Amino acid sequence: MDGVSIDLISEEMLGRMGSYEKVRFILDNVKNGKILVLERGLDPVEEAELIETTMNEIDHDRFIGIEMEGYESRGTMWERIMRRKRTRMEVIGPADMLRTVYKDGNVIRALVLTKGKVLD
């Protein structure tokens, strides 16, 4: 069956993982062509680790990178003062399959490309 696998990942599941484990989980799934929607996104340090690891694993024949888009939470006053914002929801997928078309405070609209076709 042709199609794209979209996995919705709970905050609880990611909460049981350490930073390295989260990065590996995400990258391994995306490299296998899955698109992940994280109920609670990564913190800025984890996002940086994911980007760095992705850059180290790029293979122009099989894996060109990731596309990642999310919403920042307003956070508590303390989080805003300390600039420790955390992403509320995040969509991550292979860069050659996922295109963010539109984003505002309530909607992330993405196109999923598969073998020359667009799924929306």
PDB file of N, CA and C in Angstrom:
ATOM      1  N   MET A   1       0.837  -1.174   0.000  1.00  0.00           N
ATOM      2  CA  MET A   1       0.000   0.000   0.000  1.00  0.00           C
ATOM      3  C   MET A   1       0.887   1.244   0.000  1.00  0.00           C
ATOM      4  N   ASP A   2       0.622   2.146  -0.942  1.00  0.00           N
ATOM      5  CA  ASP A   2       1.363   3.407  -1.001  1.00  0.00           C
ATOM      6  C   ASP A   2       0.785   4.383   0.010  1.00  0.00           C
ATOM      7  N   GLY A   3       1.598   5.236   0.534  1.00  0.00           N
ATOM      8  CA  GLY A   3       1.129   6.241   1.472  1.00  0.00           C
ATOM      9  C   GLY A   3       2.255   6.693   2.371  1.00  0.00           C
ATOM     10  N   VAL A   4       1.893   7.520   3.288  1.00  0.00           N
ATOM     11  CA  VAL A   4       2.845   8.094   4.227  1.00  0.00           C
ATOM     12  C   VAL A   4       2.389   7.749   5.634  1.00  0.00           C
ATOM     13  N   SER A   5       3.320   7.341   6.455  1.00  0.00           N
ATOM     14  CA  SER A   5       3.015   7.047   7.855  1.00  0.00           C
ATOM     15  C   SER A   5       3.177   8.324   8.670  1.00  0.00           C
ATOM     16  N   ILE A   6       2.113   8.686   9.380  1.00  0.00           N
ATOM     17  CA  ILE A   6       2.138   9.848  10.266  1.00  0.00           C
ATOM     18  C   ILE A   6       1.883   9.330  11.675  1.00  0.00           C
ATOM     19  N   ASP A   7       2.862   9.471  12.539  1.00  0.00           N
ATOM     20  CA  ASP A   7       2.750   9.001  13.920  1.00  0.00           C
ATOM     21  C   ASP A   7       2.519  10.188  14.850  1.00  0.00           C
ATOM     22  N   LEU A   8       1.506  10.083  15.697  1.00  0.00           N
ATOM     23  CA  LEU A   8       1.210  11.096  16.713  1.00  0.00           C
ATOM     24  C   LEU A   8       1.839  10.616  18.012  1.00  0.00           C
ATOM     25  N   ILE A   9       2.821  11.348  18.510  1.00  0.00           N
ATOM     26  CA  ILE A   9       3.621  10.921  19.653  1.00  0.00           C
ATOM     27  C   ILE A   9       3.194  11.702  20.901  1.00  0.00           C
ATOM     28  N   SER A  10       2.817  10.961  21.927  1.00  0.00           N
ATOM     29  CA  SER A  10       2.321  11.601  23.147  1.00  0.00           C
ATOM     30  C   SER A  10       3.448  12.246  23.947  1.00  0.00           C
ATOM     31  N   GLU A  11       3.073  13.270  24.704  1.00  0.00           N
ATOM     32  CA  GLU A  11       4.003  13.932  25.616  1.00  0.00           C
ATOM     33  C   GLU A  11       4.537  12.922  26.628  1.00  0.00           C
ATOM     34  N   GLU A  12       3.672  12.031  27.074  1.00  0.00           N
ATOM     35  CA  GLU A  12       4.051  11.022  28.063  1.00  0.00           C
ATOM     36  C   GLU A  12       5.160  10.110  27.537  1.00  0.00           C
ATOM     37  N   MET A  13       5.033   9.678  26.285  1.00  0.00           N
ATOM     38  CA  MET A  13       6.041   8.785  25.718  1.00  0.00           C
ATOM     39  C   MET A  13       7.410   9.476  25.648  1.00  0.00           C
ATOM     40  N   LEU A  14       7.430  10.692  25.128  1.00  0.00           N
ATOM     41  CA  LEU A  14       8.705  11.416  25.029  1.00  0.00           C
ATOM     42  C   LEU A  14       9.249  11.777  26.399  1.00  0.00           C
ATOM     43  N   GLY A  15       8.357  12.006  27.366  1.00  0.00           N
ATOM     44  CA  GLY A  15       8.771  12.355  28.715  1.00  0.00           C
ATOM     45  C   GLY A  15       9.551  11.257  29.417  1.00  0.00           C
ATOM     46  N   ARG A  16       9.373  10.028  28.967  1.00  0.00           N
ATOM     47  CA  ARG A  16      10.107   8.895  29.551  1.00  0.00           C
ATOM     48  C   ARG A  16      11.508   8.736  28.955  1.00  0.00           C
ATOM     49  N   MET A  17      11.823   9.552  27.954  1.00  0.00           N
ATOM     50  CA  MET A  17      13.116   9.435  27.262  1.00  0.00           C
ATOM     51  C   MET A  17      14.049  10.565  27.671  1.00  0.00           C
ATOM     52  N   GLY A  18      15.328  10.263  27.666  1.00  0.00           N
ATOM     53  CA  GLY A  18      16.334  11.305  27.831  1.00  0.00           C
ATOM     54  C   GLY A  18      16.526  12.034  26.514  1.00  0.00           C
ATOM     55  N   SER A  19      17.288  13.118  26.517  1.00  0.00           N
ATOM     56  CA  SER A  19      17.498  13.927  25.318  1.00  0.00           C
ATOM     57  C   SER A  19      18.074  13.128  24.158  1.00  0.00           C
ATOM     58  N   TYR A  20      19.123  12.362  24.418  1.00  0.00           N
ATOM     59  CA  TYR A  20      19.749  11.579  23.353  1.00  0.00           C
ATOM     60  C   TYR A  20      18.761  10.572  22.775  1.00  0.00           C
ATOM     61  N   GLU A  21      18.010   9.920  23.662  1.00  0.00           N
ATOM     62  CA  GLU A  21      17.043   8.922  23.235  1.00  0.00           C
ATOM     63  C   GLU A  21      15.941   9.550  22.364  1.00  0.00           C
ATOM     64  N   LYS A  22      15.488  10.750  22.726  1.00  0.00           N
ATOM     65  CA  LYS A  22      14.485  11.452  21.924  1.00  0.00           C
ATOM     66  C   LYS A  22      15.018  11.753  20.530  1.00  0.00           C
ATOM     67  N   VAL A  23      16.228  12.300  20.476  1.00  0.00           N
ATOM     68  CA  VAL A  23      16.831  12.651  19.196  1.00  0.00           C
ATOM     69  C   VAL A  23      16.974  11.421  18.318  1.00  0.00           C
ATOM     70  N   ARG A  24      17.460  10.323  18.891  1.00  0.00           N
ATOM     71  CA  ARG A  24      17.626   9.082  18.131  1.00  0.00           C
ATOM     72  C   ARG A  24      16.281   8.553  17.643  1.00  0.00           C
ATOM     73  N   PHE A  25      15.281   8.561  18.530  1.00  0.00           N
ATOM     74  CA  PHE A  25      13.938   8.084  18.179  1.00  0.00           C
ATOM     75  C   PHE A  25      13.388   8.877  16.990  1.00  0.00           C
ATOM     76  N   ILE A  26      13.465  10.196  17.084  1.00  0.00           N
ATOM     77  CA  ILE A  26      12.938  11.056  16.026  1.00  0.00           C
ATOM     78  C   ILE A  26      13.700  10.842  14.733  1.00  0.00           C
ATOM     79  N   LEU A  27      15.007  10.910  14.799  1.00  0.00           N
ATOM     80  CA  LEU A  27      15.815  10.809  13.589  1.00  0.00           C
ATOM     81  C   LEU A  27      15.677   9.448  12.930  1.00  0.00           C
ATOM     82  N   ASP A  28      15.674   8.378  13.698  1.00  0.00           N
ATOM     83  CA  ASP A  28      15.520   7.038  13.122  1.00  0.00           C
ATOM     84  C   ASP A  28      14.180   6.888  12.414  1.00  0.00           C
ATOM     85  N   ASN A  29      13.114   7.418  13.010  1.00  0.00           N
ATOM     86  CA  ASN A  29      11.793   7.323  12.386  1.00  0.00           C
ATOM     87  C   ASN A  29      11.700   8.176  11.128  1.00  0.00           C
ATOM     88  N   VAL A  30      12.217   9.398  11.181  1.00  0.00           N
ATOM     89  CA  VAL A  30      12.174  10.282  10.019  1.00  0.00           C
ATOM     90  C   VAL A  30      13.021   9.713   8.892  1.00  0.00           C
ATOM     91  N   LYS A  31      14.174   9.145   9.203  1.00  0.00           N
ATOM     92  CA  LYS A  31      15.008   8.532   8.168  1.00  0.00           C
ATOM     93  C   LYS A  31      14.297   7.366   7.493  1.00  0.00           C
ATOM     94  N   ASN A  32      13.348   6.757   8.183  1.00  0.00           N
ATOM     95  CA  ASN A  32      12.548   5.679   7.596  1.00  0.00           C
ATOM     96  C   ASN A  32      11.305   6.211   6.880  1.00  0.00           C
ATOM     97  N   GLY A  33      11.229   7.525   6.690  1.00  0.00           N
ATOM     98  CA  GLY A  33      10.158   8.119   5.908  1.00  0.00           C
ATOM     99  C   GLY A  33       8.899   8.481   6.673  1.00  0.00           C
ATOM    100  N   LYS A  34       8.924   8.408   7.996  1.00  0.00           N
ATOM    101  CA  LYS A  34       7.743   8.742   8.788  1.00  0.00           C
ATOM    102  C   LYS A  34       7.695  10.237   9.077  1.00  0.00           C
ATOM    103  N   ILE A  35       6.484  10.727   9.238  1.00  0.00           N
ATOM    104  CA  ILE A  35       6.262  12.085   9.708  1.00  0.00           C
ATOM    105  C   ILE A  35       5.752  11.971  11.131  1.00  0.00           C
ATOM    106  N   LEU A  36       6.347  12.726  12.033  1.00  0.00           N
ATOM    107  CA  LEU A  36       5.977  12.668  13.447  1.00  0.00           C
ATOM    108  C   LEU A  36       5.294  13.962  13.856  1.00  0.00           C
ATOM    109  N   VAL A  37       4.232  13.839  14.611  1.00  0.00           N
ATOM    110  CA  VAL A  37       3.581  14.990  15.234  1.00  0.00           C
ATOM    111  C   VAL A  37       3.752  14.788  16.729  1.00  0.00           C
ATOM    112  N   LEU A  38       4.539  15.655  17.346  1.00  0.00           N
ATOM    113  CA  LEU A  38       4.814  15.553  18.776  1.00  0.00           C
ATOM    114  C   LEU A  38       3.794  16.387  19.538  1.00  0.00           C
ATOM    115  N   GLU A  39       3.109  15.753  20.489  1.00  0.00           N
ATOM    116  CA  GLU A  39       2.127  16.469  21.312  1.00  0.00           C
ATOM    117  C   GLU A  39       2.798  17.624  22.052  1.00  0.00           C
ATOM    118  N   ARG A  40       3.987  17.392  22.532  1.00  0.00           N
ATOM    119  CA  ARG A  40       4.780  18.416  23.212  1.00  0.00           C
ATOM    120  C   ARG A  40       6.137  18.414  22.528  1.00  0.00           C
ATOM    121  N   GLY A  41       6.522  19.541  21.953  1.00  0.00           N
ATOM    122  CA  GLY A  41       7.751  19.606  21.189  1.00  0.00           C
ATOM    123  C   GLY A  41       9.003  19.503  22.046  1.00  0.00           C
ATOM    124  N   LEU A  42      10.112  19.579  21.392  1.00  0.00           N
ATOM    125  CA  LEU A  42      11.410  19.507  22.044  1.00  0.00           C
ATOM    126  C   LEU A  42      11.760  20.850  22.668  1.00  0.00           C
ATOM    127  N   ASP A  43      12.613  20.810  23.683  1.00  0.00           N
ATOM    128  CA  ASP A  43      13.100  22.079  24.224  1.00  0.00           C
ATOM    129  C   ASP A  43      14.226  22.577  23.306  1.00  0.00           C
ATOM    130  N   PRO A  44      14.646  23.833  23.447  1.00  0.00           N
ATOM    131  CA  PRO A  44      15.648  24.391  22.531  1.00  0.00           C
ATOM    132  C   PRO A  44      16.958  23.601  22.480  1.00  0.00           C
ATOM    133  N   VAL A  45      17.402  23.051  23.583  1.00  0.00           N
ATOM    134  CA  VAL A  45      18.647  22.269  23.589  1.00  0.00           C
ATOM    135  C   VAL A  45      18.461  20.982  22.786  1.00  0.00           C
ATOM    136  N   GLU A  46      17.311  20.326  22.966  1.00  0.00           N
ATOM    137  CA  GLU A  46      17.037  19.092  22.219  1.00  0.00           C
ATOM    138  C   GLU A  46      16.889  19.383  20.728  1.00  0.00           C
ATOM    139  N   GLU A  47      16.253  20.507  20.389  1.00  0.00           N
ATOM    140  CA  GLU A  47      16.143  20.884  18.974  1.00  0.00           C
ATOM    141  C   GLU A  47      17.534  21.088  18.367  1.00  0.00           C
ATOM    142  N   ALA A  48      18.414  21.754  19.099  1.00  0.00           N
ATOM    143  CA  ALA A  48      19.779  21.973  18.609  1.00  0.00           C
ATOM    144  C   ALA A  48      20.504  20.641  18.430  1.00  0.00           C
ATOM    145  N   GLU A  49      20.320  19.710  19.375  1.00  0.00           N
ATOM    146  CA  GLU A  49      20.940  18.390  19.257  1.00  0.00           C
ATOM    147  C   GLU A  49      20.398  17.638  18.053  1.00  0.00           C
ATOM    148  N   LEU A  50      19.092  17.754  17.805  1.00  0.00           N
ATOM    149  CA  LEU A  50      18.488  17.091  16.650  1.00  0.00           C
ATOM    150  C   LEU A  50      19.042  17.657  15.353  1.00  0.00           C
ATOM    151  N   ILE A  51      19.148  18.959  15.264  1.00  0.00           N
ATOM    152  CA  ILE A  51      19.685  19.591  14.056  1.00  0.00           C
ATOM    153  C   ILE A  51      21.142  19.198  13.844  1.00  0.00           C
ATOM    154  N   GLU A  52      21.945  19.239  14.909  1.00  0.00           N
ATOM    155  CA  GLU A  52      23.360  18.868  14.794  1.00  0.00           C
ATOM    156  C   GLU A  52      23.516  17.412  14.363  1.00  0.00           C
ATOM    157  N   THR A  53      22.760  16.515  14.973  1.00  0.00           N
ATOM    158  CA  THR A  53      22.841  15.094  14.626  1.00  0.00           C
ATOM    159  C   THR A  53      22.383  14.874  13.189  1.00  0.00           C
ATOM    160  N   THR A  54      21.322  15.566  12.792  1.00  0.00           N
ATOM    161  CA  THR A  54      20.829  15.456  11.416  1.00  0.00           C
ATOM    162  C   THR A  54      21.908  15.879  10.430  1.00  0.00           C
ATOM    163  N   MET A  55      22.550  17.002  10.688  1.00  0.00           N
ATOM    164  CA  MET A  55      23.594  17.497   9.781  1.00  0.00           C
ATOM    165  C   MET A  55      24.741  16.493   9.645  1.00  0.00           C
ATOM    166  N   ASN A  56      25.053  15.790  10.723  1.00  0.00           N
ATOM    167  CA  ASN A  56      26.126  14.794  10.689  1.00  0.00           C
ATOM    168  C   ASN A  56      25.731  13.536   9.927  1.00  0.00           C
ATOM    169  N   GLU A  57      24.427  13.292   9.771  1.00  0.00           N
ATOM    170  CA  GLU A  57      23.967  12.054   9.150  1.00  0.00           C
ATOM    171  C   GLU A  57      23.409  12.238   7.740  1.00  0.00           C
ATOM    172  N   ILE A  58      23.521  13.446   7.192  1.00  0.00           N
ATOM    173  CA  ILE A  58      23.005  13.680   5.842  1.00  0.00           C
ATOM    174  C   ILE A  58      23.775  12.827   4.842  1.00  0.00           C
ATOM    175  N   ASP A  59      23.015  12.182   3.979  1.00  0.00           N
ATOM    176  CA  ASP A  59      23.543  11.379   2.877  1.00  0.00           C
ATOM    177  C   ASP A  59      22.720  11.791   1.659  1.00  0.00           C
ATOM    178  N   HIS A  60      23.313  12.512   0.730  1.00  0.00           N
ATOM    179  CA  HIS A  60      22.570  13.109  -0.376  1.00  0.00           C
ATOM    180  C   HIS A  60      21.854  12.083  -1.251  1.00  0.00           C
ATOM    181  N   ASP A  61      22.230  10.828  -1.154  1.00  0.00           N
ATOM    182  CA  ASP A  61      21.543   9.793  -1.932  1.00  0.00           C
ATOM    183  C   ASP A  61      20.329   9.227  -1.212  1.00  0.00           C
ATOM    184  N   ARG A  62      20.350   9.222   0.133  1.00  0.00           N
ATOM    185  CA  ARG A  62      19.266   8.571   0.875  1.00  0.00           C
ATOM    186  C   ARG A  62      18.570   9.445   1.910  1.00  0.00           C
ATOM    187  N   PHE A  63      19.234  10.448   2.452  1.00  0.00           N
ATOM    188  CA  PHE A  63      18.646  11.254   3.519  1.00  0.00           C
ATOM    189  C   PHE A  63      19.178  12.675   3.428  1.00  0.00           C
ATOM    190  N   ILE A  64      18.287  13.614   3.022  1.00  0.00           N
ATOM    191  CA  ILE A  64      18.765  14.988   2.817  1.00  0.00           C
ATOM    192  C   ILE A  64      18.495  15.893   4.007  1.00  0.00           C
ATOM    193  N   GLY A  65      17.819  15.401   5.034  1.00  0.00           N
ATOM    194  CA  GLY A  65      17.594  16.209   6.221  1.00  0.00           C
ATOM    195  C   GLY A  65      16.146  16.159   6.682  1.00  0.00           C
ATOM    196  N   ILE A  66      15.815  17.084   7.594  1.00  0.00           N
ATOM    197  CA  ILE A  66      14.477  17.113   8.179  1.00  0.00           C
ATOM    198  C   ILE A  66      13.813  18.459   7.940  1.00  0.00           C
ATOM    199  N   GLU A  67      12.512  18.464   7.985  1.00  0.00           N
ATOM    200  CA  GLU A  67      11.696  19.676   8.015  1.00  0.00           C
ATOM    201  C   GLU A  67      11.029  19.675   9.386  1.00  0.00           C
ATOM    202  N   MET A  68      11.044  20.806  10.069  1.00  0.00           N
ATOM    203  CA  MET A  68      10.534  20.845  11.436  1.00  0.00           C
ATOM    204  C   MET A  68       9.792  22.171  11.643  1.00  0.00           C
ATOM    205  N   GLU A  69       8.588  22.093  12.180  1.00  0.00           N
ATOM    206  CA  GLU A  69       7.815  23.301  12.457  1.00  0.00           C
ATOM    207  C   GLU A  69       7.002  23.087  13.724  1.00  0.00           C
ATOM    208  N   GLY A  70       6.917  24.097  14.560  1.00  0.00           N
ATOM    209  CA  GLY A  70       6.161  23.964  15.803  1.00  0.00           C
ATOM    210  C   GLY A  70       5.670  25.301  16.298  1.00  0.00           C
ATOM    211  N   TYR A  71       4.877  25.246  17.357  1.00  0.00           N
ATOM    212  CA  TYR A  71       4.372  26.436  18.029  1.00  0.00           C
ATOM    213  C   TYR A  71       5.131  26.605  19.325  1.00  0.00           C
ATOM    214  N   GLU A  72       5.514  27.821  19.637  1.00  0.00           N
ATOM    215  CA  GLU A  72       6.093  28.079  20.953  1.00  0.00           C
ATOM    216  C   GLU A  72       4.965  28.343  21.931  1.00  0.00           C
ATOM    217  N   SER A  73       5.109  27.780  23.102  1.00  0.00           N
ATOM    218  CA  SER A  73       4.110  28.064  24.139  1.00  0.00           C
ATOM    219  C   SER A  73       4.402  29.425  24.734  1.00  0.00           C
ATOM    220  N   ARG A  74       3.375  30.046  25.279  1.00  0.00           N
ATOM    221  CA  ARG A  74       3.595  31.332  25.959  1.00  0.00           C
ATOM    222  C   ARG A  74       4.419  31.117  27.212  1.00  0.00           C
ATOM    223  N   GLY A  75       4.227  30.000  27.859  1.00  0.00           N
ATOM    224  CA  GLY A  75       4.990  29.690  29.060  1.00  0.00           C
ATOM    225  C   GLY A  75       4.572  30.534  30.254  1.00  0.00           C
ATOM    226  N   THR A  76       5.101  30.165  31.391  1.00  0.00           N
ATOM    227  CA  THR A  76       4.846  30.940  32.600  1.00  0.00           C
ATOM    228  C   THR A  76       5.699  32.206  32.552  1.00  0.00           C
ATOM    229  N   MET A  77       5.422  33.127  33.433  1.00  0.00           N
ATOM    230  CA  MET A  77       6.213  34.355  33.462  1.00  0.00           C
ATOM    231  C   MET A  77       7.689  34.020  33.706  1.00  0.00           C
ATOM    232  N   TRP A  78       7.945  33.089  34.596  1.00  0.00           N
ATOM    233  CA  TRP A  78       9.325  32.697  34.897  1.00  0.00           C
ATOM    234  C   TRP A  78      10.009  32.121  33.644  1.00  0.00           C
ATOM    235  N   GLU A  79       9.299  31.276  32.894  1.00  0.00           N
ATOM    236  CA  GLU A  79       9.870  30.710  31.672  1.00  0.00           C
ATOM    237  C   GLU A  79      10.159  31.795  30.650  1.00  0.00           C
ATOM    238  N   ARG A  80       9.267  32.779  30.549  1.00  0.00           N
ATOM    239  CA  ARG A  80       9.508  33.876  29.601  1.00  0.00           C
ATOM    240  C   ARG A  80      10.707  34.713  30.032  1.00  0.00           C
ATOM    241  N   ILE A  81      10.846  34.976  31.335  1.00  0.00           N
ATOM    242  CA  ILE A  81      11.986  35.750  31.841  1.00  0.00           C
ATOM    243  C   ILE A  81      13.289  34.997  31.564  1.00  0.00           C
ATOM    244  N   MET A  82      13.283  33.698  31.812  1.00  0.00           N
ATOM    245  CA  MET A  82      14.488  32.886  31.631  1.00  0.00           C
ATOM    246  C   MET A  82      14.667  32.414  30.187  1.00  0.00           C
ATOM    247  N   ARG A  83      13.724  32.797  29.312  1.00  0.00           N
ATOM    248  CA  ARG A  83      13.762  32.408  27.899  1.00  0.00           C
ATOM    249  C   ARG A  83      13.823  30.896  27.738  1.00  0.00           C
ATOM    250  N   ARG A  84      13.031  30.215  28.530  1.00  0.00           N
ATOM    251  CA  ARG A  84      12.961  28.758  28.459  1.00  0.00           C
ATOM    252  C   ARG A  84      11.630  28.339  27.857  1.00  0.00           C
ATOM    253  N   LYS A  85      11.361  28.831  26.690  1.00  0.00           N
ATOM    254  CA  LYS A  85      10.115  28.475  26.028  1.00  0.00           C
ATOM    255  C   LYS A  85      10.216  27.043  25.536  1.00  0.00           C
ATOM    256  N   ARG A  86       9.084  26.408  25.491  1.00  0.00           N
ATOM    257  CA  ARG A  86       9.025  25.042  25.003  1.00  0.00           C
ATOM    258  C   ARG A  86       7.957  24.986  23.921  1.00  0.00           C
ATOM    259  N   THR A  87       8.205  24.216  22.924  1.00  0.00           N
ATOM    260  CA  THR A  87       7.271  24.090  21.828  1.00  0.00           C
ATOM    261  C   THR A  87       6.058  23.281  22.268  1.00  0.00           C
ATOM    262  N   ARG A  88       4.852  23.786  21.941  1.00  0.00           N
ATOM    263  CA  ARG A  88       3.614  23.095  22.305  1.00  0.00           C
ATOM    264  C   ARG A  88       3.388  21.863  21.450  1.00  0.00           C
ATOM    265  N   MET A  89       3.525  22.000  20.161  1.00  0.00           N
ATOM    266  CA  MET A  89       3.314  20.896  19.242  1.00  0.00           C
ATOM    267  C   MET A  89       4.325  21.063  18.126  1.00  0.00           C
ATOM    268  N   GLU A  90       4.797  19.946  17.606  1.00  0.00           N
ATOM    269  CA  GLU A  90       5.826  20.029  16.582  1.00  0.00           C
ATOM    270  C   GLU A  90       5.583  18.961  15.530  1.00  0.00           C
ATOM    271  N   VAL A  91       5.787  19.322  14.271  1.00  0.00           N
ATOM    272  CA  VAL A  91       5.684  18.391  13.154  1.00  0.00           C
ATOM    273  C   VAL A  91       7.083  18.233  12.588  1.00  0.00           C
ATOM    274  N   ILE A  92       7.543  16.980  12.466  1.00  0.00           N
ATOM    275  CA  ILE A  92       8.898  16.710  11.975  1.00  0.00           C
ATOM    276  C   ILE A  92       8.802  15.620  10.928  1.00  0.00           C
ATOM    277  N   GLY A  93       9.468  15.813   9.801  1.00  0.00           N
ATOM    278  CA  GLY A  93       9.460  14.801   8.761  1.00  0.00           C
ATOM    279  C   GLY A  93      10.644  14.949   7.837  1.00  0.00           C
ATOM    280  N   PRO A  94      10.786  14.005   6.894  1.00  0.00           N
ATOM    281  CA  PRO A  94      11.879  14.088   5.929  1.00  0.00           C
ATOM    282  C   PRO A  94      11.755  15.347   5.074  1.00  0.00           C
ATOM    283  N   ALA A  95      12.854  16.034   4.858  1.00  0.00           N
ATOM    284  CA  ALA A  95      12.836  17.296   4.120  1.00  0.00           C
ATOM    285  C   ALA A  95      12.360  17.122   2.686  1.00  0.00           C
ATOM    286  N   ASP A  96      12.534  15.938   2.114  1.00  0.00           N
ATOM    287  CA  ASP A  96      12.096  15.737   0.740  1.00  0.00           C
ATOM    288  C   ASP A  96      10.622  15.339   0.648  1.00  0.00           C
ATOM    289  N   MET A  97       9.941  15.202   1.785  1.00  0.00           N
ATOM    290  CA  MET A  97       8.531  14.800   1.784  1.00  0.00           C
ATOM    291  C   MET A  97       7.597  15.830   2.420  1.00  0.00           C
ATOM    292  N   LEU A  98       8.097  16.676   3.290  1.00  0.00           N
ATOM    293  CA  LEU A  98       7.239  17.559   4.083  1.00  0.00           C
ATOM    294  C   LEU A  98       7.545  19.010   3.762  1.00  0.00           C
ATOM    295  N   ARG A  99       6.507  19.771   3.452  1.00  0.00           N
ATOM    296  CA  ARG A  99       6.654  21.201   3.188  1.00  0.00           C
ATOM    297  C   ARG A  99       5.660  21.970   4.045  1.00  0.00           C
ATOM    298  N   THR A 100       6.135  22.909   4.829  1.00  0.00           N
ATOM    299  CA  THR A 100       5.258  23.771   5.594  1.00  0.00           C
ATOM    300  C   THR A 100       4.761  24.859   4.649  1.00  0.00           C
ATOM    301  N   VAL A 101       3.436  24.985   4.534  1.00  0.00           N
ATOM    302  CA  VAL A 101       2.828  25.934   3.627  1.00  0.00           C
ATOM    303  C   VAL A 101       2.352  27.173   4.377  1.00  0.00           C
ATOM    304  N   TYR A 102       1.853  26.966   5.586  1.00  0.00           N
ATOM    305  CA  TYR A 102       1.243  28.059   6.340  1.00  0.00           C
ATOM    306  C   TYR A 102       1.364  27.755   7.825  1.00  0.00           C
ATOM    307  N   LYS A 103       1.582  28.791   8.595  1.00  0.00           N
ATOM    308  CA  LYS A 103       1.628  28.628  10.044  1.00  0.00           C
ATOM    309  C   LYS A 103       1.162  29.924  10.695  1.00  0.00           C
ATOM    310  N   ASP A 104       0.283  29.783  11.690  1.00  0.00           N
ATOM    311  CA  ASP A 104      -0.059  30.900  12.557  1.00  0.00           C
ATOM    312  C   ASP A 104      -0.153  30.335  13.968  1.00  0.00           C
ATOM    313  N   GLY A 105      -0.727  31.047  14.883  1.00  0.00           N
ATOM    314  CA  GLY A 105      -0.791  30.587  16.265  1.00  0.00           C
ATOM    315  C   GLY A 105      -1.704  29.403  16.512  1.00  0.00           C
ATOM    316  N   ASN A 106      -2.512  29.015  15.525  1.00  0.00           N
ATOM    317  CA  ASN A 106      -3.471  27.942  15.710  1.00  0.00           C
ATOM    318  C   ASN A 106      -3.344  26.789  14.725  1.00  0.00           C
ATOM    319  N   VAL A 107      -2.706  27.017  13.588  1.00  0.00           N
ATOM    320  CA  VAL A 107      -2.689  26.015  12.521  1.00  0.00           C
ATOM    321  C   VAL A 107      -1.289  25.898  11.926  1.00  0.00           C
ATOM    322  N   ILE A 108      -0.866  24.670  11.714  1.00  0.00           N
ATOM    323  CA  ILE A 108       0.296  24.397  10.867  1.00  0.00           C
ATOM    324  C   ILE A 108      -0.259  23.612   9.688  1.00  0.00           C
ATOM    325  N   ARG A 109      -0.135  24.151   8.494  1.00  0.00           N
ATOM    326  CA  ARG A 109      -0.597  23.452   7.303  1.00  0.00           C
ATOM    327  C   ARG A 109       0.630  22.995   6.526  1.00  0.00           C
ATOM    328  N   ALA A 110       0.665  21.714   6.241  1.00  0.00           N
ATOM    329  CA  ALA A 110       1.820  21.149   5.549  1.00  0.00           C
ATOM    330  C   ALA A 110       1.354  20.317   4.362  1.00  0.00           C
ATOM    331  N   LEU A 111       2.203  20.232   3.370  1.00  0.00           N
ATOM    332  CA  LEU A 111       1.988  19.334   2.245  1.00  0.00           C
ATOM    333  C   LEU A 111       2.896  18.135   2.438  1.00  0.00           C
ATOM    334  N   VAL A 112       2.353  16.963   2.169  1.00  0.00           N
ATOM    335  CA  VAL A 112       3.147  15.744   2.222  1.00  0.00           C
ATOM    336  C   VAL A 112       3.327  15.269   0.795  1.00  0.00           C
ATOM    337  N   LEU A 113       4.568  15.149   0.370  1.00  0.00           N
ATOM    338  CA  LEU A 113       4.895  14.720  -0.991  1.00  0.00           C
ATOM    339  C   LEU A 113       5.289  13.253  -0.966  1.00  0.00           C
ATOM    340  N   THR A 114       4.770  12.499  -1.910  1.00  0.00           N
ATOM    341  CA  THR A 114       5.140  11.098  -2.011  1.00  0.00           C
ATOM    342  C   THR A 114       5.207  10.689  -3.468  1.00  0.00           C
ATOM    343  N   LYS A 115       6.383  10.280  -3.889  1.00  0.00           N
ATOM    344  CA  LYS A 115       6.626   9.808  -5.256  1.00  0.00           C
ATOM    345  C   LYS A 115       5.994  10.716  -6.294  1.00  0.00           C
ATOM    346  N   GLY A 116       6.292  12.007  -6.201  1.00  0.00           N
ATOM    347  CA  GLY A 116       5.795  12.949  -7.176  1.00  0.00           C
ATOM    348  C   GLY A 116       4.354  13.389  -6.977  1.00  0.00           C
ATOM    349  N   LYS A 117       3.657  12.869  -5.965  1.00  0.00           N
ATOM    350  CA  LYS A 117       2.285  13.249  -5.684  1.00  0.00           C
ATOM    351  C   LYS A 117       2.246  14.127  -4.453  1.00  0.00           C
ATOM    352  N   VAL A 118       1.239  14.965  -4.372  1.00  0.00           N
ATOM    353  CA  VAL A 118       1.058  15.808  -3.194  1.00  0.00           C
ATOM    354  C   VAL A 118      -0.179  15.307  -2.453  1.00  0.00           C
ATOM    355  N   LEU A 119      -0.042  15.054  -1.149  1.00  0.00           N
ATOM    356  CA  LEU A 119      -1.168  14.694  -0.303  1.00  0.00           C
ATOM    357  C   LEU A 119      -1.458  15.870   0.592  1.00  0.00           C
ATOM    358  N   ASP A 120      -2.704  16.357   0.616  1.00  0.00           N
ATOM    359  CA  ASP A 120      -3.020  17.459   1.532  1.00  0.00           C
ATOM    360  C   ASP A 120      -4.362  17.259   2.177  1.00  0.00           C
TER     361      ASP A 120
END
